[in-house]
Amino acid sequence: TAPPGELVRMLYDGAIRFLGLARIGFESEDPLERNLAVHNNVTKAQDILNELVVTLDMDLGGKLAETLRDLYLYMGDRLQESNINKAPAGIDEVTERLTEIRDAWCQMLANQANGQHDSISGFVEAVG
């Protein structure tokens, strides 16, 4: 199995991939196909966001964990709106935010692998 940090990266990658598939679903001319592609892939991304929420250690993570929880919940709400309204704006916003978080996470993992002890600071800055 992968280390915990890599598992989180894989969750980010999966959510971003599903959101990309949902976005492509908007291009379908068949209404049923479009709605299914958007719904199924947005739902999968929401499931991943929910998993990210429940795996947060709120006691150990402090303010960072609270901020991440709030971001994940906000993103889930935006995806719900996009899914209900079949509008891509929320999907685009969440994809952009998740990509920024994933990139900062990957940088943090790389810094840790290189022995940099303050590797989390860049991630904290990216999250806000």
N, C-alpha and C. Protein backbone atom coordinates (compact mmCIF):
# COMPACT_ATOMS: atom_id res chain seq x y z
N THR A 1 0.84 -1.19 0.00
CA THR A 1 0.00 0.00 0.00
C THR A 1 0.88 1.25 0.00
N ALA A 2 0.29 2.33 -0.42
CA ALA A 2 1.01 3.60 -0.51
C ALA A 2 1.04 4.29 0.86
N PRO A 3 2.05 5.13 1.09
CA PRO A 3 2.08 5.91 2.34
C PRO A 3 0.89 6.87 2.39
N PRO A 4 0.49 7.29 3.60
CA PRO A 4 -0.68 8.17 3.75
C PRO A 4 -0.63 9.43 2.88
N GLY A 5 0.51 10.06 2.77
CA GLY A 5 0.62 11.26 1.94
C GLY A 5 0.32 10.99 0.48
N GLU A 6 0.78 9.85 0.00
CA GLU A 6 0.51 9.47 -1.40
C GLU A 6 -0.96 9.11 -1.59
N LEU A 7 -1.57 8.51 -0.58
CA LEU A 7 -3.00 8.19 -0.68
C LEU A 7 -3.82 9.47 -0.82
N VAL A 8 -3.46 10.50 -0.07
CA VAL A 8 -4.16 11.78 -0.19
C VAL A 8 -3.96 12.34 -1.59
N ARG A 9 -2.72 12.28 -2.10
CA ARG A 9 -2.47 12.76 -3.46
C ARG A 9 -3.33 12.01 -4.47
N MET A 10 -3.46 10.70 -4.28
CA MET A 10 -4.27 9.89 -5.18
C MET A 10 -5.74 10.30 -5.11
N LEU A 11 -6.22 10.65 -3.92
CA LEU A 11 -7.60 11.14 -3.79
C LEU A 11 -7.78 12.45 -4.54
N TYR A 12 -6.83 13.37 -4.37
CA TYR A 12 -6.90 14.63 -5.13
C TYR A 12 -6.92 14.35 -6.63
N ASP A 13 -6.01 13.50 -7.09
CA ASP A 13 -5.94 13.18 -8.52
C ASP A 13 -7.25 12.57 -9.02
N GLY A 14 -7.82 11.67 -8.22
CA GLY A 14 -9.08 11.04 -8.62
C GLY A 14 -10.21 12.05 -8.72
N ALA A 15 -10.32 12.94 -7.75
CA ALA A 15 -11.38 13.95 -7.79
C ALA A 15 -11.21 14.85 -9.00
N ILE A 16 -9.99 15.27 -9.27
CA ILE A 16 -9.74 16.13 -10.42
C ILE A 16 -10.07 15.40 -11.72
N ARG A 17 -9.72 14.14 -11.79
CA ARG A 17 -10.03 13.34 -12.99
C ARG A 17 -11.54 13.22 -13.19
N PHE A 18 -12.29 12.92 -12.13
CA PHE A 18 -13.74 12.80 -12.25
C PHE A 18 -14.38 14.13 -12.64
N LEU A 19 -13.85 15.22 -12.12
CA LEU A 19 -14.38 16.53 -12.50
C LEU A 19 -14.10 16.83 -13.97
N GLY A 20 -12.95 16.41 -14.45
CA GLY A 20 -12.66 16.56 -15.88
C GLY A 20 -13.63 15.77 -16.74
N LEU A 21 -13.97 14.57 -16.29
CA LEU A 21 -14.94 13.75 -17.02
C LEU A 21 -16.34 14.37 -16.97
N ALA A 22 -16.68 14.95 -15.83
CA ALA A 22 -17.97 15.64 -15.72
C ALA A 22 -18.01 16.81 -16.68
N ARG A 23 -16.91 17.55 -16.75
CA ARG A 23 -16.84 18.72 -17.63
C ARG A 23 -17.00 18.29 -19.09
N ILE A 24 -16.37 17.18 -19.46
CA ILE A 24 -16.50 16.65 -20.82
C ILE A 24 -17.94 16.24 -21.09
N GLY A 25 -18.62 15.76 -20.04
CA GLY A 25 -20.02 15.36 -20.19
C GLY A 25 -20.92 16.48 -20.70
N PHE A 26 -20.57 17.71 -20.39
CA PHE A 26 -21.37 18.85 -20.87
C PHE A 26 -21.34 18.97 -22.39
N GLU A 27 -20.36 18.36 -23.02
CA GLU A 27 -20.24 18.45 -24.47
C GLU A 27 -21.15 17.50 -25.21
N SER A 28 -21.74 16.53 -24.52
CA SER A 28 -22.61 15.57 -25.16
C SER A 28 -23.90 16.23 -25.64
N GLU A 29 -24.29 15.89 -26.85
CA GLU A 29 -25.53 16.44 -27.40
C GLU A 29 -26.75 15.66 -26.92
N ASP A 30 -26.56 14.43 -26.48
CA ASP A 30 -27.66 13.62 -25.96
C ASP A 30 -27.91 14.04 -24.52
N PRO A 31 -29.11 14.56 -24.21
CA PRO A 31 -29.39 15.05 -22.85
C PRO A 31 -29.23 13.97 -21.77
N LEU A 32 -29.65 12.76 -22.06
CA LEU A 32 -29.52 11.69 -21.07
C LEU A 32 -28.04 11.38 -20.81
N GLU A 33 -27.29 11.26 -21.88
CA GLU A 33 -25.85 10.97 -21.74
C GLU A 33 -25.15 12.11 -20.99
N ARG A 34 -25.49 13.34 -21.34
CA ARG A 34 -24.89 14.51 -20.69
C ARG A 34 -25.20 14.51 -19.19
N ASN A 35 -26.48 14.34 -18.85
CA ASN A 35 -26.88 14.36 -17.44
C ASN A 35 -26.24 13.23 -16.64
N LEU A 36 -26.17 12.05 -17.24
CA LEU A 36 -25.55 10.92 -16.54
C LEU A 36 -24.06 11.13 -16.34
N ALA A 37 -23.38 11.61 -17.37
CA ALA A 37 -21.94 11.84 -17.26
C ALA A 37 -21.64 12.88 -16.19
N VAL A 38 -22.40 13.97 -16.21
CA VAL A 38 -22.18 15.02 -15.22
C VAL A 38 -22.50 14.48 -13.83
N HIS A 39 -23.68 13.91 -13.67
CA HIS A 39 -24.11 13.44 -12.35
C HIS A 39 -23.17 12.38 -11.78
N ASN A 40 -22.88 11.36 -12.55
CA ASN A 40 -22.07 10.25 -12.03
C ASN A 40 -20.66 10.70 -11.64
N ASN A 41 -20.06 11.54 -12.45
CA ASN A 41 -18.69 11.97 -12.16
C ASN A 41 -18.64 13.01 -11.05
N VAL A 42 -19.61 13.91 -11.00
CA VAL A 42 -19.66 14.86 -9.89
C VAL A 42 -19.88 14.11 -8.58
N THR A 43 -20.74 13.12 -8.59
CA THR A 43 -21.00 12.33 -7.38
C THR A 43 -19.74 11.62 -6.91
N LYS A 44 -18.96 11.09 -7.83
CA LYS A 44 -17.71 10.43 -7.46
C LYS A 44 -16.73 11.43 -6.84
N ALA A 45 -16.66 12.62 -7.41
CA ALA A 45 -15.78 13.66 -6.85
C ALA A 45 -16.27 14.07 -5.46
N GLN A 46 -17.58 14.17 -5.27
CA GLN A 46 -18.13 14.50 -3.95
C GLN A 46 -17.80 13.40 -2.94
N ASP A 47 -17.87 12.16 -3.36
CA ASP A 47 -17.51 11.06 -2.47
C ASP A 47 -16.05 11.18 -2.02
N ILE A 48 -15.18 11.57 -2.93
CA ILE A 48 -13.78 11.74 -2.57
C ILE A 48 -13.62 12.90 -1.60
N LEU A 49 -14.30 14.01 -1.85
CA LEU A 49 -14.24 15.14 -0.91
C LEU A 49 -14.73 14.72 0.48
N ASN A 50 -15.80 13.93 0.52
CA ASN A 50 -16.30 13.44 1.81
C ASN A 50 -15.26 12.57 2.50
N GLU A 51 -14.56 11.75 1.74
CA GLU A 51 -13.51 10.91 2.31
C GLU A 51 -12.37 11.78 2.86
N LEU A 52 -12.03 12.84 2.14
CA LEU A 52 -10.99 13.75 2.62
C LEU A 52 -11.42 14.41 3.93
N VAL A 53 -12.70 14.73 4.06
CA VAL A 53 -13.21 15.35 5.30
C VAL A 53 -13.09 14.38 6.46
N VAL A 54 -13.54 13.15 6.28
CA VAL A 54 -13.57 12.21 7.40
C VAL A 54 -12.19 11.73 7.81
N THR A 55 -11.20 11.88 6.92
CA THR A 55 -9.86 11.43 7.29
C THR A 55 -9.04 12.53 7.97
N LEU A 56 -9.57 13.74 8.04
CA LEU A 56 -8.85 14.81 8.73
C LEU A 56 -8.78 14.52 10.23
N ASP A 57 -7.62 14.74 10.81
CA ASP A 57 -7.46 14.62 12.26
C ASP A 57 -7.65 16.02 12.83
N MET A 58 -8.86 16.31 13.28
CA MET A 58 -9.20 17.65 13.73
C MET A 58 -8.44 18.04 14.99
N ASP A 59 -8.08 17.08 15.82
CA ASP A 59 -7.34 17.38 17.04
C ASP A 59 -5.89 17.72 16.73
N LEU A 60 -5.25 16.89 15.95
CA LEU A 60 -3.84 17.08 15.62
C LEU A 60 -3.65 18.19 14.58
N GLY A 61 -4.59 18.31 13.65
CA GLY A 61 -4.43 19.25 12.54
C GLY A 61 -4.73 20.69 12.85
N GLY A 62 -5.43 20.95 13.93
CA GLY A 62 -5.70 22.32 14.35
C GLY A 62 -6.37 23.17 13.29
N LYS A 63 -5.85 24.38 13.14
CA LYS A 63 -6.44 25.36 12.21
C LYS A 63 -6.37 24.89 10.77
N LEU A 64 -5.28 24.21 10.40
CA LEU A 64 -5.16 23.71 9.03
C LEU A 64 -6.26 22.70 8.73
N ALA A 65 -6.50 21.78 9.65
CA ALA A 65 -7.56 20.79 9.46
C ALA A 65 -8.92 21.47 9.34
N GLU A 66 -9.16 22.49 10.17
CA GLU A 66 -10.43 23.23 10.10
C GLU A 66 -10.58 23.91 8.74
N THR A 67 -9.51 24.52 8.27
CA THR A 67 -9.55 25.22 6.98
C THR A 67 -9.80 24.24 5.84
N LEU A 68 -9.10 23.11 5.88
CA LEU A 68 -9.31 22.09 4.84
C LEU A 68 -10.74 21.55 4.89
N ARG A 69 -11.23 21.27 6.09
CA ARG A 69 -12.61 20.78 6.21
C ARG A 69 -13.58 21.78 5.59
N ASP A 70 -13.42 23.05 5.94
CA ASP A 70 -14.31 24.08 5.41
C ASP A 70 -14.21 24.19 3.89
N LEU A 71 -12.99 24.08 3.37
CA LEU A 71 -12.81 24.11 1.91
C LEU A 71 -13.47 22.92 1.24
N TYR A 72 -13.25 21.73 1.79
CA TYR A 72 -13.84 20.53 1.20
C TYR A 72 -15.37 20.61 1.24
N LEU A 73 -15.93 21.09 2.34
CA LEU A 73 -17.39 21.20 2.43
C LEU A 73 -17.91 22.24 1.44
N TYR A 74 -17.21 23.35 1.33
CA TYR A 74 -17.60 24.38 0.36
C TYR A 74 -17.57 23.80 -1.06
N MET A 75 -16.49 23.09 -1.38
CA MET A 75 -16.37 22.51 -2.71
C MET A 75 -17.49 21.50 -2.97
N GLY A 76 -17.83 20.72 -1.96
CA GLY A 76 -18.94 19.79 -2.11
C GLY A 76 -20.24 20.51 -2.40
N ASP A 77 -20.47 21.63 -1.72
CA ASP A 77 -21.68 22.43 -1.97
C ASP A 77 -21.68 22.98 -3.39
N ARG A 78 -20.53 23.46 -3.85
CA ARG A 78 -20.45 24.00 -5.22
C ARG A 78 -20.71 22.90 -6.25
N LEU A 79 -20.21 21.71 -5.98
CA LEU A 79 -20.46 20.60 -6.90
C LEU A 79 -21.93 20.20 -6.89
N GLN A 80 -22.55 20.25 -5.72
CA GLN A 80 -23.97 19.93 -5.63
C GLN A 80 -24.79 20.92 -6.48
N GLU A 81 -24.44 22.20 -6.38
CA GLU A 81 -25.13 23.22 -7.19
C GLU A 81 -24.94 22.95 -8.68
N SER A 82 -23.72 22.63 -9.07
CA SER A 82 -23.45 22.35 -10.48
C SER A 82 -24.21 21.13 -10.95
N ASN A 83 -24.30 20.14 -10.10
CA ASN A 83 -24.99 18.91 -10.47
C ASN A 83 -26.49 19.16 -10.61
N ILE A 84 -27.07 19.88 -9.68
CA ILE A 84 -28.51 20.16 -9.73
C ILE A 84 -28.85 21.02 -10.93
N ASN A 85 -28.05 22.07 -11.14
CA ASN A 85 -28.34 23.02 -12.22
C ASN A 85 -27.75 22.63 -13.56
N LYS A 86 -26.95 21.58 -13.56
CA LYS A 86 -26.22 21.15 -14.76
C LYS A 86 -25.51 22.34 -15.39
N ALA A 87 -24.75 23.02 -14.53
CA ALA A 87 -23.96 24.18 -14.94
C ALA A 87 -22.50 23.93 -14.56
N PRO A 88 -21.58 24.23 -15.48
CA PRO A 88 -20.17 23.87 -15.25
C PRO A 88 -19.39 24.81 -14.33
N ALA A 89 -19.93 25.96 -13.96
CA ALA A 89 -19.14 26.95 -13.21
C ALA A 89 -18.57 26.38 -11.91
N GLY A 90 -19.37 25.69 -11.14
CA GLY A 90 -18.90 25.12 -9.88
C GLY A 90 -17.86 24.04 -10.09
N ILE A 91 -18.02 23.26 -11.14
CA ILE A 91 -17.06 22.21 -11.46
C ILE A 91 -15.71 22.86 -11.81
N ASP A 92 -15.76 23.91 -12.60
CA ASP A 92 -14.52 24.61 -12.98
C ASP A 92 -13.84 25.20 -11.75
N GLU A 93 -14.62 25.83 -10.87
CA GLU A 93 -14.05 26.44 -9.66
C GLU A 93 -13.40 25.38 -8.77
N VAL A 94 -14.11 24.28 -8.54
CA VAL A 94 -13.59 23.24 -7.66
C VAL A 94 -12.36 22.58 -8.29
N THR A 95 -12.38 22.38 -9.59
CA THR A 95 -11.21 21.80 -10.25
C THR A 95 -9.99 22.69 -10.05
N GLU A 96 -10.17 23.99 -10.20
CA GLU A 96 -9.06 24.92 -10.02
C GLU A 96 -8.55 24.89 -8.58
N ARG A 97 -9.46 24.93 -7.62
CA ARG A 97 -9.05 24.93 -6.21
C ARG A 97 -8.38 23.61 -5.83
N LEU A 98 -8.95 22.50 -6.26
CA LEU A 98 -8.36 21.20 -5.93
C LEU A 98 -6.98 21.03 -6.58
N THR A 99 -6.83 21.56 -7.78
CA THR A 99 -5.54 21.46 -8.46
C THR A 99 -4.48 22.25 -7.69
N GLU A 100 -4.83 23.43 -7.21
CA GLU A 100 -3.90 24.22 -6.40
C GLU A 100 -3.52 23.48 -5.12
N ILE A 101 -4.51 22.90 -4.46
CA ILE A 101 -4.25 22.17 -3.21
C ILE A 101 -3.40 20.93 -3.50
N ARG A 102 -3.75 20.20 -4.56
CA ARG A 102 -2.98 19.00 -4.92
C ARG A 102 -1.53 19.36 -5.24
N ASP A 103 -1.33 20.43 -6.01
CA ASP A 103 0.03 20.82 -6.37
C ASP A 103 0.84 21.20 -5.13
N ALA A 104 0.21 21.93 -4.21
CA ALA A 104 0.90 22.30 -2.96
C ALA A 104 1.19 21.05 -2.13
N TRP A 105 0.25 20.11 -2.12
CA TRP A 105 0.44 18.86 -1.39
C TRP A 105 1.63 18.09 -1.96
N CYS A 106 1.69 18.00 -3.29
CA CYS A 106 2.80 17.29 -3.94
C CYS A 106 4.14 17.96 -3.64
N GLN A 107 4.15 19.28 -3.62
CA GLN A 107 5.38 20.01 -3.29
C GLN A 107 5.79 19.72 -1.86
N MET A 108 4.81 19.67 -0.96
CA MET A 108 5.10 19.37 0.44
C MET A 108 5.70 17.96 0.56
N LEU A 109 5.12 16.99 -0.15
CA LEU A 109 5.65 15.62 -0.11
C LEU A 109 7.07 15.57 -0.65
N ALA A 110 7.32 16.31 -1.74
CA ALA A 110 8.67 16.33 -2.32
C ALA A 110 9.65 16.97 -1.35
N ASN A 111 9.24 18.04 -0.68
CA ASN A 111 10.11 18.69 0.30
C ASN A 111 10.41 17.76 1.47
N GLN A 112 9.41 17.01 1.93
CA GLN A 112 9.63 16.05 3.01
C GLN A 112 10.61 14.97 2.57
N ALA A 113 10.47 14.51 1.34
CA ALA A 113 11.37 13.47 0.84
C ALA A 113 12.80 13.97 0.75
N ASN A 114 12.96 15.29 0.57
CA ASN A 114 14.29 15.89 0.50
C ASN A 114 14.80 16.35 1.85
N GLY A 115 14.06 16.01 2.92
CA GLY A 115 14.51 16.31 4.26
C GLY A 115 14.28 17.73 4.74
N GLN A 116 13.44 18.46 4.06
CA GLN A 116 13.13 19.83 4.49
C GLN A 116 12.09 19.77 5.60
N HIS A 117 12.47 20.27 6.75
CA HIS A 117 11.62 20.13 7.94
C HIS A 117 10.43 21.07 7.95
N ASP A 118 10.50 22.20 7.25
CA ASP A 118 9.36 23.11 7.22
C ASP A 118 8.54 22.92 5.95
N SER A 119 8.46 21.69 5.48
CA SER A 119 7.82 21.39 4.20
C SER A 119 6.34 21.72 4.16
N ILE A 120 5.71 21.81 5.31
CA ILE A 120 4.28 22.07 5.32
C ILE A 120 3.94 23.54 5.11
N SER A 121 4.88 24.44 5.30
CA SER A 121 4.59 25.87 5.23
C SER A 121 4.03 26.29 3.88
N GLY A 122 4.57 25.77 2.79
CA GLY A 122 4.04 26.11 1.46
C GLY A 122 2.64 25.59 1.27
N PHE A 123 2.36 24.42 1.83
CA PHE A 123 1.01 23.87 1.72
C PHE A 123 0.03 24.75 2.50
N VAL A 124 0.41 25.16 3.69
CA VAL A 124 -0.45 26.02 4.51
C VAL A 124 -0.74 27.32 3.78
N GLU A 125 0.26 27.91 3.15
CA GLU A 125 0.06 29.14 2.39
C GLU A 125 -0.90 28.94 1.23
N ALA A 126 -0.80 27.82 0.55
CA ALA A 126 -1.68 27.55 -0.59
C ALA A 126 -3.13 27.35 -0.16
N VAL A 127 -3.31 26.74 0.99
CA VAL A 127 -4.66 26.47 1.48
C VAL A 127 -5.30 27.75 2.02
N GLY A 128 -4.50 28.61 2.59
CA GLY A 128 -5.04 29.88 3.08
C GLY A 128 -5.08 29.89 4.54
